[in-house]
């Protein structure tokens, strides 16, 4: 099995998948791993390849076809909610899902919304290895795996009881005993191999009956590539001037630069633009604009040095 990586916007973790089987989840996230960076039109996949990624046995061809059809049906009902400061949008990710059993292929048409959740994810993303996810048997443990991976480098995540039950889409009658037995028990059994020193602590209110108010998950944080000082001081070899006009336009628009201060613009081109280029390559061009708009609101005396340091610090998130 190849070492595929699943990467998507964090907001997908809020979509309820409680009624999905483990096999259906494996199949869906296998599609996401293959669809990443493929654009937003018609995509075609070999079902044998997806079966391998999903860890599905070759002995159960009828069940495999049923799984694909079930996922296609559930995707038609799956809605994704995008929230910004200005609006809340409810949308679908797929507009078509065709299964060709004899030809062993599926053809899907993804909506423009799919681009946001899978391809244009900027800094707010969840990433993990598909092989790990498909090895988990419990659907509750799979959901917790995805939720905790969102905080993999932090090593700590607290859930209020209401949020915990909503994210895992538990039945209304679930109390602490049902959560212990049906959720926390499989989580403690299956996830420590992926989250070193994983511990779960019940949070209780110091009132009569000491009701459970939430759960605190802690583990040893994952370490990304060590940060090297001056790593981005040198201009990258593939630095392309095609974005310079955009960078300058945004810096002027947000009041950092004046169109008449050519000397300062040149300093930005030399010191800061190469970092913005890397940020655009690692994330999106839109991410650069959002970063500029944020930094421009801060107080600073020396714009070149300040923006250079801010860009370096922000790039660390994409290592």
C-alpha atoms as a PDB file:
ATOM      1  CA  UNK A   1       0.000   0.000   0.000  1.00  0.00           C
ATOM      2  CA  UNK A   2       1.448   3.361  -1.005  1.00  0.00           C
ATOM      3  CA  UNK A   3       2.031   6.019   1.635  1.00  0.00           C
ATOM      4  CA  UNK A   4      -0.818   8.331   0.578  1.00  0.00           C
ATOM      5  CA  UNK A   5      -1.430  11.524   2.523  1.00  0.00           C
ATOM      6  CA  UNK A   6      -4.899  12.892   3.219  1.00  0.00           C
ATOM      7  CA  UNK A   7      -5.063  16.667   3.480  1.00  0.00           C
ATOM      8  CA  UNK A   8      -8.164  18.839   3.686  1.00  0.00           C
ATOM      9  CA  UNK A   9      -9.622  21.947   5.307  1.00  0.00           C
ATOM     10  CA  UNK A  10     -10.244  21.633   9.042  1.00  0.00           C
ATOM     11  CA  UNK A  11     -13.933  22.474   8.627  1.00  0.00           C
ATOM     12  CA  UNK A  12     -14.549  19.047   7.083  1.00  0.00           C
ATOM     13  CA  UNK A  13     -14.038  17.611  10.557  1.00  0.00           C
ATOM     14  CA  UNK A  14     -17.336  19.223  11.601  1.00  0.00           C
ATOM     15  CA  UNK A  15     -19.305  17.249   8.982  1.00  0.00           C
ATOM     16  CA  UNK A  16     -21.220  14.391  10.596  1.00  0.00           C
ATOM     17  CA  UNK A  17     -20.246  10.922   9.323  1.00  0.00           C
ATOM     18  CA  UNK A  18     -21.637   8.890  12.209  1.00  0.00           C
ATOM     19  CA  UNK A  19     -23.862   6.747   9.972  1.00  0.00           C
ATOM     20  CA  UNK A  20     -20.934   5.812   7.734  1.00  0.00           C
ATOM     21  CA  UNK A  21     -19.286   2.426   8.136  1.00  0.00           C
ATOM     22  CA  UNK A  22     -15.521   2.156   8.596  1.00  0.00           C
ATOM     23  CA  UNK A  23     -15.213   0.785   5.060  1.00  0.00           C
ATOM     24  CA  UNK A  24     -17.194   3.708   3.632  1.00  0.00           C
ATOM     25  CA  UNK A  25     -15.003   6.205   5.482  1.00  0.00           C
ATOM     26  CA  UNK A  26     -11.879   4.494   4.157  1.00  0.00           C
ATOM     27  CA  UNK A  27     -13.205   4.668   0.602  1.00  0.00           C
ATOM     28  CA  UNK A  28     -14.204   8.347   0.884  1.00  0.00           C
ATOM     29  CA  UNK A  29     -10.870   9.520   2.290  1.00  0.00           C
ATOM     30  CA  UNK A  30      -9.028   7.410  -0.269  1.00  0.00           C
ATOM     31  CA  UNK A  31     -10.819   9.474  -2.915  1.00  0.00           C
ATOM     32  CA  UNK A  32      -9.777  12.692  -1.169  1.00  0.00           C
ATOM     33  CA  UNK A  33      -6.145  11.574  -1.115  1.00  0.00           C
ATOM     34  CA  UNK A  34      -6.231  10.868  -4.864  1.00  0.00           C
ATOM     35  CA  UNK A  35      -8.267  13.952  -5.797  1.00  0.00           C
ATOM     36  CA  UNK A  36      -5.972  16.471  -4.123  1.00  0.00           C
ATOM     37  CA  UNK A  37      -4.422  18.970  -6.551  1.00  0.00           C
ATOM     38  CA  UNK A  38      -6.369  17.495  -9.479  1.00  0.00           C
ATOM     39  CA  UNK A  39      -8.513  20.598 -10.069  1.00  0.00           C
ATOM     40  CA  UNK A  40     -12.281  20.815  -9.999  1.00  0.00           C
ATOM     41  CA  UNK A  41     -13.740  19.174 -13.045  1.00  0.00           C
ATOM     42  CA  UNK A  42     -14.257  15.516 -13.944  1.00  0.00           C
ATOM     43  CA  UNK A  43     -11.969  13.038 -12.174  1.00  0.00           C
ATOM     44  CA  UNK A  44     -11.538   9.365 -13.028  1.00  0.00           C
ATOM     45  CA  UNK A  45     -10.103   6.728 -10.686  1.00  0.00           C
ATOM     46  CA  UNK A  46      -9.262   3.049 -10.907  1.00  0.00           C
ATOM     47  CA  UNK A  47     -11.417   1.211  -8.363  1.00  0.00           C
ATOM     48  CA  UNK A  48      -8.733  -1.441  -7.811  1.00  0.00           C
ATOM     49  CA  UNK A  49      -6.359   1.343  -6.770  1.00  0.00           C
ATOM     50  CA  UNK A  50      -8.956   2.770  -4.379  1.00  0.00           C
ATOM     51  CA  UNK A  51      -9.681  -0.718  -3.041  1.00  0.00           C
ATOM     52  CA  UNK A  52      -6.003  -1.149  -2.219  1.00  0.00           C
ATOM     53  CA  UNK A  53      -5.844   2.252  -0.510  1.00  0.00           C
ATOM     54  CA  UNK A  54      -8.993   1.409   1.445  1.00  0.00           C
ATOM     55  CA  UNK A  55      -7.582  -1.933   2.655  1.00  0.00           C
ATOM     56  CA  UNK A  56     -10.605  -3.699   1.202  1.00  0.00           C
ATOM     57  CA  UNK A  57     -10.391  -7.463   0.738  1.00  0.00           C
ATOM     58  CA  UNK A  58     -10.544  -8.843  -2.797  1.00  0.00           C
ATOM     59  CA  UNK A  59     -12.741 -11.668  -1.517  1.00  0.00           C
ATOM     60  CA  UNK A  60     -15.821  -9.475  -1.149  1.00  0.00           C
ATOM     61  CA  UNK A  61     -16.478  -7.950  -4.574  1.00  0.00           C
ATOM     62  CA  UNK A  62     -20.224  -7.604  -4.008  1.00  0.00           C
ATOM     63  CA  UNK A  63     -19.661  -5.804  -0.715  1.00  0.00           C
ATOM     64  CA  UNK A  64     -17.090  -3.560  -2.411  1.00  0.00           C
ATOM     65  CA  UNK A  65     -19.659  -2.523  -5.020  1.00  0.00           C
ATOM     66  CA  UNK A  66     -22.219  -1.960  -2.251  1.00  0.00           C
ATOM     67  CA  UNK A  67     -19.707   0.188  -0.387  1.00  0.00           C
ATOM     68  CA  UNK A  68     -19.072   2.359  -3.451  1.00  0.00           C
ATOM     69  CA  UNK A  69     -22.800   2.733  -4.076  1.00  0.00           C
ATOM     70  CA  UNK A  70     -23.462   3.580  -0.418  1.00  0.00           C
ATOM     71  CA  UNK A  71     -20.765   6.248  -0.475  1.00  0.00           C
ATOM     72  CA  UNK A  72     -22.169   7.690  -3.704  1.00  0.00           C
ATOM     73  CA  UNK A  73     -25.599   7.867  -2.072  1.00  0.00           C
ATOM     74  CA  UNK A  74     -24.272   9.467   1.107  1.00  0.00           C
ATOM     75  CA  UNK A  75     -22.202  11.986  -0.829  1.00  0.00           C
ATOM     76  CA  UNK A  76     -25.360  13.147  -2.564  1.00  0.00           C
ATOM     77  CA  UNK A  77     -26.697  14.050   0.884  1.00  0.00           C
ATOM     78  CA  UNK A  78     -23.430  15.317   2.352  1.00  0.00           C
ATOM     79  CA  UNK A  79     -23.422  19.066   2.821  1.00  0.00           C
ATOM     80  CA  UNK A  80     -20.467  21.178   3.796  1.00  0.00           C
ATOM     81  CA  UNK A  81     -20.754  24.410   5.742  1.00  0.00           C
ATOM     82  CA  UNK A  82     -18.276  27.219   5.077  1.00  0.00           C
ATOM     83  CA  UNK A  83     -18.212  30.031   7.595  1.00  0.00           C
ATOM     84  CA  UNK A  84     -16.542  33.392   7.085  1.00  0.00           C
ATOM     85  CA  UNK A  85     -16.862  36.700   8.907  1.00  0.00           C
ATOM     86  CA  UNK A  86     -19.405  37.796   6.320  1.00  0.00           C
ATOM     87  CA  UNK A  87     -21.567  34.752   5.612  1.00  0.00           C
ATOM     88  CA  UNK A  88     -22.384  31.103   6.169  1.00  0.00           C
ATOM     89  CA  UNK A  89     -22.709  28.927   3.064  1.00  0.00           C
ATOM     90  CA  UNK A  90     -24.173  25.427   2.828  1.00  0.00           C
ATOM     91  CA  UNK A  91     -23.005  23.515  -0.238  1.00  0.00           C
ATOM     92  CA  UNK A  92     -22.344  20.119  -1.736  1.00  0.00           C
ATOM     93  CA  UNK A  93     -18.921  18.838  -2.777  1.00  0.00           C
ATOM     94  CA  UNK A  94     -19.860  16.461  -5.581  1.00  0.00           C
ATOM     95  CA  UNK A  95     -22.310  16.981  -8.415  1.00  0.00           C
ATOM     96  CA  UNK A  96     -21.963  13.517  -9.958  1.00  0.00           C
ATOM     97  CA  UNK A  97     -20.653  10.086  -9.017  1.00  0.00           C
ATOM     98  CA  UNK A  98     -20.598   7.344 -11.671  1.00  0.00           C
ATOM     99  CA  UNK A  99     -19.578   3.758 -10.899  1.00  0.00           C
ATOM    100  CA  UNK A 100     -18.481   1.492 -13.754  1.00  0.00           C
ATOM    101  CA  UNK A 101     -18.300  -1.922 -12.111  1.00  0.00           C
ATOM    102  CA  UNK A 102     -17.271  -3.855 -15.218  1.00  0.00           C
ATOM    103  CA  UNK A 103     -14.635  -1.323 -16.250  1.00  0.00           C
ATOM    104  CA  UNK A 104     -13.429  -1.038 -12.646  1.00  0.00           C
ATOM    105  CA  UNK A 105     -13.483   2.719 -12.525  1.00  0.00           C
ATOM    106  CA  UNK A 106     -15.410   5.597 -11.005  1.00  0.00           C
ATOM    107  CA  UNK A 107     -15.932   9.000 -12.565  1.00  0.00           C
ATOM    108  CA  UNK A 108     -16.827  11.923 -10.343  1.00  0.00           C
ATOM    109  CA  UNK A 109     -17.600  15.539 -11.025  1.00  0.00           C
ATOM    110  CA  UNK A 110     -16.606  17.805  -8.175  1.00  0.00           C
ATOM    111  CA  UNK A 111     -18.096  21.208  -7.535  1.00  0.00           C
ATOM    112  CA  UNK A 112     -16.176  24.448  -7.251  1.00  0.00           C
ATOM    113  CA  UNK A 113     -16.626  24.147  -3.494  1.00  0.00           C
ATOM    114  CA  UNK A 114     -14.382  21.086  -3.560  1.00  0.00           C
ATOM    115  CA  UNK A 115     -11.467  23.331  -4.531  1.00  0.00           C
ATOM    116  CA  UNK A 116     -11.742  25.212  -1.252  1.00  0.00           C
ATOM    117  CA  UNK A 117     -11.923  22.196   1.008  1.00  0.00           C
ATOM    118  CA  UNK A 118      -9.251  20.026  -0.647  1.00  0.00           C
ATOM    119  CA  UNK A 119      -7.019  22.131  -2.896  1.00  0.00           C
ATOM    120  CA  UNK A 120      -7.054  25.717  -1.574  1.00  0.00           C
ATOM    121  CA  UNK A 121      -6.731  24.902   2.098  1.00  0.00           C
ATOM    122  CA  UNK A 122      -4.088  27.524   3.048  1.00  0.00           C
ATOM    123  CA  UNK A 123      -3.005  27.203   6.691  1.00  0.00           C
ATOM    124  CA  UNK A 124      -6.143  25.687   8.204  1.00  0.00           C
ATOM    125  CA  UNK A 125      -5.743  22.055   7.323  1.00  0.00           C
ATOM    126  CA  UNK A 126      -5.754  18.553   8.728  1.00  0.00           C
ATOM    127  CA  UNK A 127      -3.208  16.111   7.337  1.00  0.00           C
ATOM    128  CA  UNK A 128      -2.458  12.463   8.063  1.00  0.00           C
ATOM    129  CA  UNK A 129      -1.377   9.244   6.410  1.00  0.00           C
ATOM    130  CA  UNK A 130      -4.215   7.285   4.852  1.00  0.00           C
ATOM    131  CA  UNK A 131      -2.598   4.010   5.891  1.00  0.00           C
ATOM    132  CA  UNK A 132      -3.005   4.948   9.542  1.00  0.00           C
ATOM    133  CA  UNK A 133      -6.626   5.971   9.135  1.00  0.00           C
ATOM    134  CA  UNK A 134      -7.668   2.806   7.315  1.00  0.00           C
ATOM    135  CA  UNK A 135      -6.045   0.646  10.020  1.00  0.00           C
ATOM    136  CA  UNK A 136      -8.514   1.971  12.624  1.00  0.00           C
ATOM    137  CA  UNK A 137     -11.631  -0.198  13.000  1.00  0.00           C
ATOM    138  CA  UNK A 138     -13.986   1.799  15.242  1.00  0.00           C
ATOM    139  CA  UNK A 139     -15.872   4.606  13.498  1.00  0.00           C
ATOM    140  CA  UNK A 140     -15.769   6.659  16.705  1.00  0.00           C
ATOM    141  CA  UNK A 141     -12.002   6.120  16.903  1.00  0.00           C
ATOM    142  CA  UNK A 142     -11.675   7.154  13.243  1.00  0.00           C
ATOM    143  CA  UNK A 143     -13.504  10.401  13.935  1.00  0.00           C
ATOM    144  CA  UNK A 144     -11.391  11.108  17.022  1.00  0.00           C
ATOM    145  CA  UNK A 145      -8.262  10.367  15.000  1.00  0.00           C
ATOM    146  CA  UNK A 146      -9.246  13.049  12.472  1.00  0.00           C
ATOM    147  CA  UNK A 147     -10.150  15.546  15.188  1.00  0.00           C
ATOM    148  CA  UNK A 148      -6.926  15.049  17.147  1.00  0.00           C
ATOM    149  CA  UNK A 149      -4.748  15.141  14.017  1.00  0.00           C
ATOM    150  CA  UNK A 150      -5.950  18.711  13.550  1.00  0.00           C
ATOM    151  CA  UNK A 151      -3.947  19.498  16.720  1.00  0.00           C
ATOM    152  CA  UNK A 152      -1.138  17.019  16.116  1.00  0.00           C
ATOM    153  CA  UNK A 153       1.702  19.508  16.737  1.00  0.00           C
ATOM    154  CA  UNK A 154       0.026  20.967  19.849  1.00  0.00           C
ATOM    155  CA  UNK A 155      -0.414  17.751  21.800  1.00  0.00           C
ATOM    156  CA  UNK A 156      -3.521  18.905  23.619  1.00  0.00           C
ATOM    157  CA  UNK A 157      -7.205  19.362  22.834  1.00  0.00           C
ATOM    158  CA  UNK A 158     -10.135  19.993  25.148  1.00  0.00           C
ATOM    159  CA  UNK A 159     -13.733  19.356  24.133  1.00  0.00           C
ATOM    160  CA  UNK A 160     -16.773  20.657  25.982  1.00  0.00           C
ATOM    161  CA  UNK A 161     -19.278  17.858  26.464  1.00  0.00           C
ATOM    162  CA  UNK A 162     -21.793  19.472  24.080  1.00  0.00           C
ATOM    163  CA  UNK A 163     -19.182  19.899  21.324  1.00  0.00           C
ATOM    164  CA  UNK A 164     -17.820  16.407  21.912  1.00  0.00           C
ATOM    165  CA  UNK A 165     -21.230  14.786  21.463  1.00  0.00           C
ATOM    166  CA  UNK A 166     -22.021  16.960  18.438  1.00  0.00           C
ATOM    167  CA  UNK A 167     -18.740  16.257  16.633  1.00  0.00           C
ATOM    168  CA  UNK A 168     -19.084  12.516  17.190  1.00  0.00           C
ATOM    169  CA  UNK A 169     -22.821  12.667  16.474  1.00  0.00           C
ATOM    170  CA  UNK A 170     -23.684  10.499  19.468  1.00  0.00           C
ATOM    171  CA  UNK A 171     -27.253   9.404  20.262  1.00  0.00           C
ATOM    172  CA  UNK A 172     -29.083  11.829  22.531  1.00  0.00           C
ATOM    173  CA  UNK A 173     -29.236   9.364  25.405  1.00  0.00           C
ATOM    174  CA  UNK A 174     -25.445   8.924  25.601  1.00  0.00           C
ATOM    175  CA  UNK A 175     -24.153   9.762  29.052  1.00  0.00           C
ATOM    176  CA  UNK A 176     -20.660   9.346  30.585  1.00  0.00           C
ATOM    177  CA  UNK A 177     -21.024   5.551  30.914  1.00  0.00           C
ATOM    178  CA  UNK A 178     -22.015   5.082  27.250  1.00  0.00           C
ATOM    179  CA  UNK A 179     -19.220   7.426  26.161  1.00  0.00           C
ATOM    180  CA  UNK A 180     -16.720   5.458  28.262  1.00  0.00           C
ATOM    181  CA  UNK A 181     -17.801   2.129  26.805  1.00  0.00           C
ATOM    182  CA  UNK A 182     -18.512   2.969  23.145  1.00  0.00           C
ATOM    183  CA  UNK A 183     -16.165   5.868  22.431  1.00  0.00           C
ATOM    184  CA  UNK A 184     -13.296   6.202  24.887  1.00  0.00           C
ATOM    185  CA  UNK A 185     -12.623   2.469  25.178  1.00  0.00           C
ATOM    186  CA  UNK A 186     -11.923   1.975  21.423  1.00  0.00           C
ATOM    187  CA  UNK A 187     -10.098   5.305  21.312  1.00  0.00           C
ATOM    188  CA  UNK A 188      -7.741   4.224  24.097  1.00  0.00           C
ATOM    189  CA  UNK A 189      -7.274   0.842  22.420  1.00  0.00           C
ATOM    190  CA  UNK A 190      -6.629   1.998  18.840  1.00  0.00           C
ATOM    191  CA  UNK A 191      -5.157   5.512  18.890  1.00  0.00           C
ATOM    192  CA  UNK A 192      -2.097   5.347  21.209  1.00  0.00           C
ATOM    193  CA  UNK A 193      -0.068   3.843  18.348  1.00  0.00           C
ATOM    194  CA  UNK A 194      -0.632   7.085  16.437  1.00  0.00           C
ATOM    195  CA  UNK A 195      -0.592   9.518  19.387  1.00  0.00           C
ATOM    196  CA  UNK A 196       2.280   8.744  21.725  1.00  0.00           C
ATOM    197  CA  UNK A 197       1.427   8.852  25.438  1.00  0.00           C
ATOM    198  CA  UNK A 198      -2.239   9.532  24.666  1.00  0.00           C
ATOM    199  CA  UNK A 199      -4.261  10.255  27.803  1.00  0.00           C
ATOM    200  CA  UNK A 200      -7.921  11.157  28.278  1.00  0.00           C
ATOM    201  CA  UNK A 201      -9.111  13.092  31.306  1.00  0.00           C
ATOM    202  CA  UNK A 202     -12.704  13.716  32.291  1.00  0.00           C
ATOM    203  CA  UNK A 203     -13.409  17.317  33.217  1.00  0.00           C
ATOM    204  CA  UNK A 204     -15.977  17.690  35.973  1.00  0.00           C
ATOM    205  CA  UNK A 205     -17.848  20.564  37.582  1.00  0.00           C
ATOM    206  CA  UNK A 206     -17.328  20.896  41.313  1.00  0.00           C
ATOM    207  CA  UNK A 207     -21.032  20.809  42.116  1.00  0.00           C
ATOM    208  CA  UNK A 208     -23.459  18.226  43.402  1.00  0.00           C
ATOM    209  CA  UNK A 209     -23.013  14.996  41.493  1.00  0.00           C
ATOM    210  CA  UNK A 210     -19.785  16.275  39.863  1.00  0.00           C
ATOM    211  CA  UNK A 211     -21.211  16.171  36.331  1.00  0.00           C
ATOM    212  CA  UNK A 212     -18.841  15.656  33.407  1.00  0.00           C
ATOM    213  CA  UNK A 213     -18.379  18.941  31.540  1.00  0.00           C
ATOM    214  CA  UNK A 214     -15.876  17.822  28.928  1.00  0.00           C
ATOM    215  CA  UNK A 215     -12.836  15.759  27.988  1.00  0.00           C
ATOM    216  CA  UNK A 216      -9.171  16.674  27.772  1.00  0.00           C
ATOM    217  CA  UNK A 217      -6.963  14.721  25.358  1.00  0.00           C
ATOM    218  CA  UNK A 218      -3.188  15.019  25.705  1.00  0.00           C
ATOM    219  CA  UNK A 219      -0.339  13.329  23.834  1.00  0.00           C
ATOM    220  CA  UNK A 220       3.247  13.907  22.812  1.00  0.00           C
ATOM    221  CA  UNK A 221       3.182  16.591  20.072  1.00  0.00           C
ATOM    222  CA  UNK A 222       4.349  15.677  16.604  1.00  0.00           C
ATOM    223  CA  UNK A 223       7.514  17.468  15.561  1.00  0.00           C
ATOM    224  CA  UNK A 224       7.823  19.004  12.136  1.00  0.00           C
ATOM    225  CA  UNK A 225      11.105  19.595  10.356  1.00  0.00           C
ATOM    226  CA  UNK A 226      13.446  21.609  12.613  1.00  0.00           C
ATOM    227  CA  UNK A 227      13.416  25.309  11.838  1.00  0.00           C
ATOM    228  CA  UNK A 228      16.759  26.541  10.532  1.00  0.00           C
ATOM    229  CA  UNK A 229      17.681  30.143  11.183  1.00  0.00           C
ATOM    230  CA  UNK A 230      18.066  32.189   7.984  1.00  0.00           C
ATOM    231  CA  UNK A 231      16.509  29.322   6.048  1.00  0.00           C
ATOM    232  CA  UNK A 232      14.716  31.703   3.719  1.00  0.00           C
ATOM    233  CA  UNK A 233      17.321  34.453   3.515  1.00  0.00           C
ATOM    234  CA  UNK A 234      18.478  33.354   0.100  1.00  0.00           C
ATOM    235  CA  UNK A 235      16.218  34.054  -2.842  1.00  0.00           C
ATOM    236  CA  UNK A 236      14.789  30.750  -4.129  1.00  0.00           C
ATOM    237  CA  UNK A 237      16.074  29.667  -7.492  1.00  0.00           C
ATOM    238  CA  UNK A 238      12.581  29.423  -8.914  1.00  0.00           C
ATOM    239  CA  UNK A 239      11.498  32.838  -7.660  1.00  0.00           C
ATOM    240  CA  UNK A 240       9.314  34.245 -10.421  1.00  0.00           C
ATOM    241  CA  UNK A 241       8.632  37.979 -10.805  1.00  0.00           C
ATOM    242  CA  UNK A 242       5.129  37.221 -12.108  1.00  0.00           C
ATOM    243  CA  UNK A 243       3.610  37.908  -8.662  1.00  0.00           C
ATOM    244  CA  UNK A 244       5.559  41.078  -7.899  1.00  0.00           C
ATOM    245  CA  UNK A 245       2.832  43.337  -9.230  1.00  0.00           C
ATOM    246  CA  UNK A 246       0.257  41.583  -7.060  1.00  0.00           C
ATOM    247  CA  UNK A 247       2.419  41.855  -3.944  1.00  0.00           C
ATOM    248  CA  UNK A 248       3.018  45.534  -4.607  1.00  0.00           C
ATOM    249  CA  UNK A 249      -0.663  46.154  -5.343  1.00  0.00           C
ATOM    250  CA  UNK A 250      -1.723  44.615  -2.023  1.00  0.00           C
ATOM    251  CA  UNK A 251       0.961  46.412  -0.001  1.00  0.00           C
ATOM    252  CA  UNK A 252      -0.176  49.726  -1.472  1.00  0.00           C
ATOM    253  CA  UNK A 253      -3.854  48.892  -0.999  1.00  0.00           C
ATOM    254  CA  UNK A 254      -3.354  48.061   2.697  1.00  0.00           C
ATOM    255  CA  UNK A 255      -1.333  51.230   3.276  1.00  0.00           C
ATOM    256  CA  UNK A 256       2.103  49.704   3.733  1.00  0.00           C
ATOM    257  CA  UNK A 257       3.682  51.194   0.622  1.00  0.00           C
ATOM    258  CA  UNK A 258       3.240  54.327  -1.432  1.00  0.00           C
ATOM    259  CA  UNK A 259       3.236  54.006  -5.207  1.00  0.00           C
ATOM    260  CA  UNK A 260       5.751  56.880  -5.337  1.00  0.00           C
ATOM    261  CA  UNK A 261       8.243  55.397  -2.857  1.00  0.00           C
ATOM    262  CA  UNK A 262      10.197  53.375  -5.404  1.00  0.00           C
ATOM    263  CA  UNK A 263      13.155  52.833  -3.076  1.00  0.00           C
ATOM    264  CA  UNK A 264      11.033  51.133  -0.414  1.00  0.00           C
ATOM    265  CA  UNK A 265       9.275  49.039  -3.041  1.00  0.00           C
ATOM    266  CA  UNK A 266      12.645  47.798  -4.286  1.00  0.00           C
ATOM    267  CA  UNK A 267      13.691  46.882  -0.758  1.00  0.00           C
ATOM    268  CA  UNK A 268      10.507  44.835  -0.376  1.00  0.00           C
ATOM    269  CA  UNK A 269      11.199  43.107  -3.691  1.00  0.00           C
ATOM    270  CA  UNK A 270      14.633  42.049  -2.495  1.00  0.00           C
ATOM    271  CA  UNK A 271      13.920  41.209   1.153  1.00  0.00           C
ATOM    272  CA  UNK A 272      10.256  40.212   1.403  1.00  0.00           C
ATOM    273  CA  UNK A 273       8.902  39.149  -1.991  1.00  0.00           C
ATOM    274  CA  UNK A 274      10.945  35.916  -2.161  1.00  0.00           C
ATOM    275  CA  UNK A 275       9.262  34.861   1.087  1.00  0.00           C
ATOM    276  CA  UNK A 276       5.842  35.753  -0.295  1.00  0.00           C
ATOM    277  CA  UNK A 277       6.657  33.694  -3.373  1.00  0.00           C
ATOM    278  CA  UNK A 278       7.375  30.650  -1.210  1.00  0.00           C
ATOM    279  CA  UNK A 279       4.197  31.252   0.757  1.00  0.00           C
ATOM    280  CA  UNK A 280       2.196  31.375  -2.475  1.00  0.00           C
ATOM    281  CA  UNK A 281       3.849  28.144  -3.638  1.00  0.00           C
ATOM    282  CA  UNK A 282       3.291  26.332  -0.355  1.00  0.00           C
ATOM    283  CA  UNK A 283      -0.271  27.598   0.160  1.00  0.00           C
ATOM    284  CA  UNK A 284      -2.112  29.951  -2.220  1.00  0.00           C
ATOM    285  CA  UNK A 285      -1.776  33.465  -3.565  1.00  0.00           C
ATOM    286  CA  UNK A 286      -4.843  34.380  -1.537  1.00  0.00           C
ATOM    287  CA  UNK A 287      -2.974  33.347   1.614  1.00  0.00           C
ATOM    288  CA  UNK A 288      -0.331  35.993   0.867  1.00  0.00           C
ATOM    289  CA  UNK A 289      -2.959  38.717   0.590  1.00  0.00           C
ATOM    290  CA  UNK A 290      -4.613  37.668   3.868  1.00  0.00           C
ATOM    291  CA  UNK A 291      -1.213  37.672   5.569  1.00  0.00           C
ATOM    292  CA  UNK A 292      -0.392  41.158   4.241  1.00  0.00           C
ATOM    293  CA  UNK A 293      -3.780  42.525   5.326  1.00  0.00           C
ATOM    294  CA  UNK A 294      -3.232  41.152   8.845  1.00  0.00           C
ATOM    295  CA  UNK A 295       0.355  42.359   9.292  1.00  0.00           C
ATOM    296  CA  UNK A 296      -0.525  45.777   7.881  1.00  0.00           C
ATOM    297  CA  UNK A 297      -2.816  46.380  10.868  1.00  0.00           C
ATOM    298  CA  UNK A 298       0.033  45.950  13.364  1.00  0.00           C
ATOM    299  CA  UNK A 299       2.282  48.694  14.722  1.00  0.00           C
ATOM    300  CA  UNK A 300       5.795  48.862  13.300  1.00  0.00           C
ATOM    301  CA  UNK A 301       8.570  51.375  12.695  1.00  0.00           C
ATOM    302  CA  UNK A 302      10.652  49.577  10.080  1.00  0.00           C
ATOM    303  CA  UNK A 303       8.320  47.996   7.488  1.00  0.00           C
ATOM    304  CA  UNK A 304      10.884  45.905   5.580  1.00  0.00           C
ATOM    305  CA  UNK A 305      12.323  44.224   8.664  1.00  0.00           C
ATOM    306  CA  UNK A 306       8.917  43.791  10.285  1.00  0.00           C
ATOM    307  CA  UNK A 307       7.238  42.276   7.242  1.00  0.00           C
ATOM    308  CA  UNK A 308      10.246  40.057   6.554  1.00  0.00           C
ATOM    309  CA  UNK A 309      10.172  38.608  10.072  1.00  0.00           C
ATOM    310  CA  UNK A 310       6.387  38.184   9.937  1.00  0.00           C
ATOM    311  CA  UNK A 311       6.653  36.301   6.639  1.00  0.00           C
ATOM    312  CA  UNK A 312       9.402  34.030   8.006  1.00  0.00           C
ATOM    313  CA  UNK A 313       7.368  33.219  11.100  1.00  0.00           C
ATOM    314  CA  UNK A 314       4.270  32.497   9.041  1.00  0.00           C
ATOM    315  CA  UNK A 315       6.189  30.198   6.695  1.00  0.00           C
ATOM    316  CA  UNK A 316       7.018  27.945   9.641  1.00  0.00           C
ATOM    317  CA  UNK A 317       3.415  26.748   9.575  1.00  0.00           C
ATOM    318  CA  UNK A 318       3.963  25.236   6.151  1.00  0.00           C
ATOM    319  CA  UNK A 319       7.153  23.316   6.838  1.00  0.00           C
END
